[in-house]
Structures are given as C-alpha cells and as structure tokens.
Amino acid sequence: MATVHIGLTYPDLIEHIAPGDLAERAERWGFHTLWVTDHALKPRLDPLVLLAAVSQRTSRLRLGTGVLAVPYRTPYLTAKAAASVDVLSGGRCTLGLGIGDLFQE
C-alpha cells in the first residue's frame, strides 16, 4: 500500500501566523512537509532564510521550496544557502528550482 504524505505551503500568511509557529503546529499535527514559495517582486521573506529559521523549531518536518526562481539568484550562492539549510535541518531540505511564474518578474 502506498504512503500518502500531506504538507502545507507558507505563502502570504505572514500577518496571520509566524512561519516558526506554523511549522511547529504542522509537525505536531502530523503534517509531513512545509513548502515556501519565491517571488522576487513580492514583499516576502527570503525562502531559504525562512526555511533555515523553521528548521531550528522542528525536528521531523521536511522543508522545501515550491519553486525557487533561479533567474534572480546567483547559482553558487543559492546552492551554498540551500546546502546550509540542508545541514542545519539534518538533511530535511528539498529544493525545487524553476524560472518563476509571474509575468511581471
């Protein structure tokens, strides 16, 4: 039988709940993953910084980027930051890469 994993996305809820609080609750409630999105032109926290912070408040929750918009980032520094999140989280980071999805960006 296949295993089903359920996750959450943390996009625009910053005024309603802090990322660390959401992550702690998600882990306590049995969610498997927490995903963040990346938009260069929207007022959001940097996805990799956000995941690094969340990694310190959780122990089992897998952490990932839905799509990290690579055209707006330096490849080497992005790889280094993502590897740092993976180390800090104990290997729980999944990195999704892409070109983004907003025409304005």
Protein backbone atom coordinates (compact mmCIF):
# COMPACT_ATOMS: atom_id res chain seq x y z
CA MET A 1 0.00 0.00 0.00
CA ALA A 2 1.28 3.46 -0.90
CA THR A 3 2.03 6.04 1.76
CA VAL A 4 0.39 9.43 1.41
CA HIS A 5 2.21 12.46 2.79
CA ILE A 6 0.38 15.72 3.40
CA GLY A 7 2.11 19.08 3.50
CA LEU A 8 1.43 22.79 3.88
CA THR A 9 2.53 25.82 1.88
CA TYR A 10 3.51 29.04 3.62
CA PRO A 11 2.93 31.81 1.07
CA ASP A 12 1.18 35.02 2.18
CA LEU A 13 0.09 34.26 5.74
CA ILE A 14 2.84 36.27 7.40
CA GLU A 15 0.46 38.73 9.07
CA HIS A 16 -1.65 35.88 10.46
CA ILE A 17 0.90 33.39 11.78
CA ALA A 18 4.68 33.37 12.02
CA PRO A 19 6.45 30.68 9.96
CA GLY A 20 8.00 29.04 13.01
CA ASP A 21 4.67 28.83 14.80
CA LEU A 22 3.01 27.32 11.72
CA ALA A 23 5.84 24.81 11.32
CA GLU A 24 5.67 23.71 14.96
CA ARG A 25 1.93 23.21 14.70
CA ALA A 26 2.20 21.38 11.39
CA GLU A 27 4.73 18.97 12.85
CA ARG A 28 2.63 18.43 15.98
CA TRP A 29 -0.49 17.79 13.86
CA GLY A 30 1.32 15.16 11.76
CA PHE A 31 1.99 17.02 8.52
CA HIS A 32 4.95 15.72 6.54
CA THR A 33 6.21 18.82 4.67
CA LEU A 34 6.26 22.61 4.75
CA TRP A 35 6.78 24.38 1.43
CA VAL A 36 7.62 28.02 0.76
CA THR A 37 7.36 29.97 -2.46
CA ASP A 38 9.65 32.55 -4.01
CA HIS A 39 8.67 35.79 -5.73
CA ALA A 40 11.31 38.46 -6.24
CA LEU A 41 8.83 41.34 -6.51
CA LYS A 42 6.54 40.50 -3.62
CA PRO A 43 7.20 41.55 -0.01
CA ARG A 44 8.05 38.13 1.37
CA LEU A 45 10.78 36.66 3.49
CA ASP A 46 13.60 35.00 1.59
CA PRO A 47 12.59 31.34 1.23
CA LEU A 48 15.95 29.87 2.25
CA VAL A 49 16.31 32.14 5.28
CA LEU A 50 12.75 31.27 6.28
CA LEU A 51 13.46 27.53 5.98
CA ALA A 52 16.69 27.87 7.98
CA ALA A 53 14.76 29.53 10.80
CA VAL A 54 11.94 26.98 10.68
CA SER A 55 14.46 24.12 10.71
CA GLN A 56 15.53 25.18 14.19
CA ARG A 57 11.99 24.90 15.57
CA THR A 58 11.16 21.48 14.09
CA SER A 59 12.78 18.06 14.03
CA ARG A 60 10.81 15.87 11.60
CA LEU A 61 9.05 18.20 9.17
CA ARG A 62 10.53 18.10 5.66
CA LEU A 63 11.22 21.60 4.37
CA GLY A 64 11.12 22.65 0.74
CA THR A 65 10.91 25.37 -1.83
CA GLY A 66 7.99 25.04 -4.23
CA VAL A 67 9.93 26.79 -6.97
CA LEU A 68 12.94 28.90 -6.21
CA ALA A 69 13.17 31.49 -9.01
CA VAL A 70 16.70 30.82 -10.22
CA PRO A 71 16.97 33.70 -12.76
CA TYR A 72 17.01 36.19 -9.86
CA ARG A 73 19.70 34.41 -7.86
CA THR A 74 23.41 33.74 -8.13
CA PRO A 75 23.72 29.98 -8.72
CA TYR A 76 26.72 29.41 -6.45
CA LEU A 77 25.29 31.41 -3.52
CA THR A 78 21.89 29.74 -3.96
CA ALA A 79 23.50 26.29 -3.86
CA LYS A 80 25.53 27.26 -0.80
CA ALA A 81 22.47 28.63 1.03
CA ALA A 82 20.38 25.56 0.16
CA ALA A 83 23.17 23.23 1.33
CA SER A 84 23.38 25.24 4.56
CA VAL A 85 19.65 24.79 5.15
CA ASP A 86 20.03 21.08 4.50
CA VAL A 87 22.85 20.79 7.04
CA LEU A 88 21.04 22.91 9.64
CA SER A 89 17.87 20.85 9.22
CA GLY A 90 19.61 17.49 9.44
CA GLY A 91 19.02 16.64 5.77
CA ARG A 92 15.36 17.66 5.61
CA CYS A 93 15.58 20.23 2.79
CA THR A 94 14.09 19.66 -0.67
CA LEU A 95 14.99 22.27 -3.27
CA GLY A 96 12.58 22.97 -6.11
CA LEU A 97 14.06 25.13 -8.87
CA GLY A 98 12.45 26.92 -11.80
CA ILE A 99 12.14 30.18 -13.69
CA GLY A 100 9.17 31.52 -11.74
CA ASP A 101 5.57 32.00 -12.77
CA LEU A 102 4.71 35.70 -12.54
CA PHE A 103 4.88 37.60 -15.82
CA GLN A 104 5.95 40.81 -14.05
CA GLU A 105 9.00 39.05 -12.67
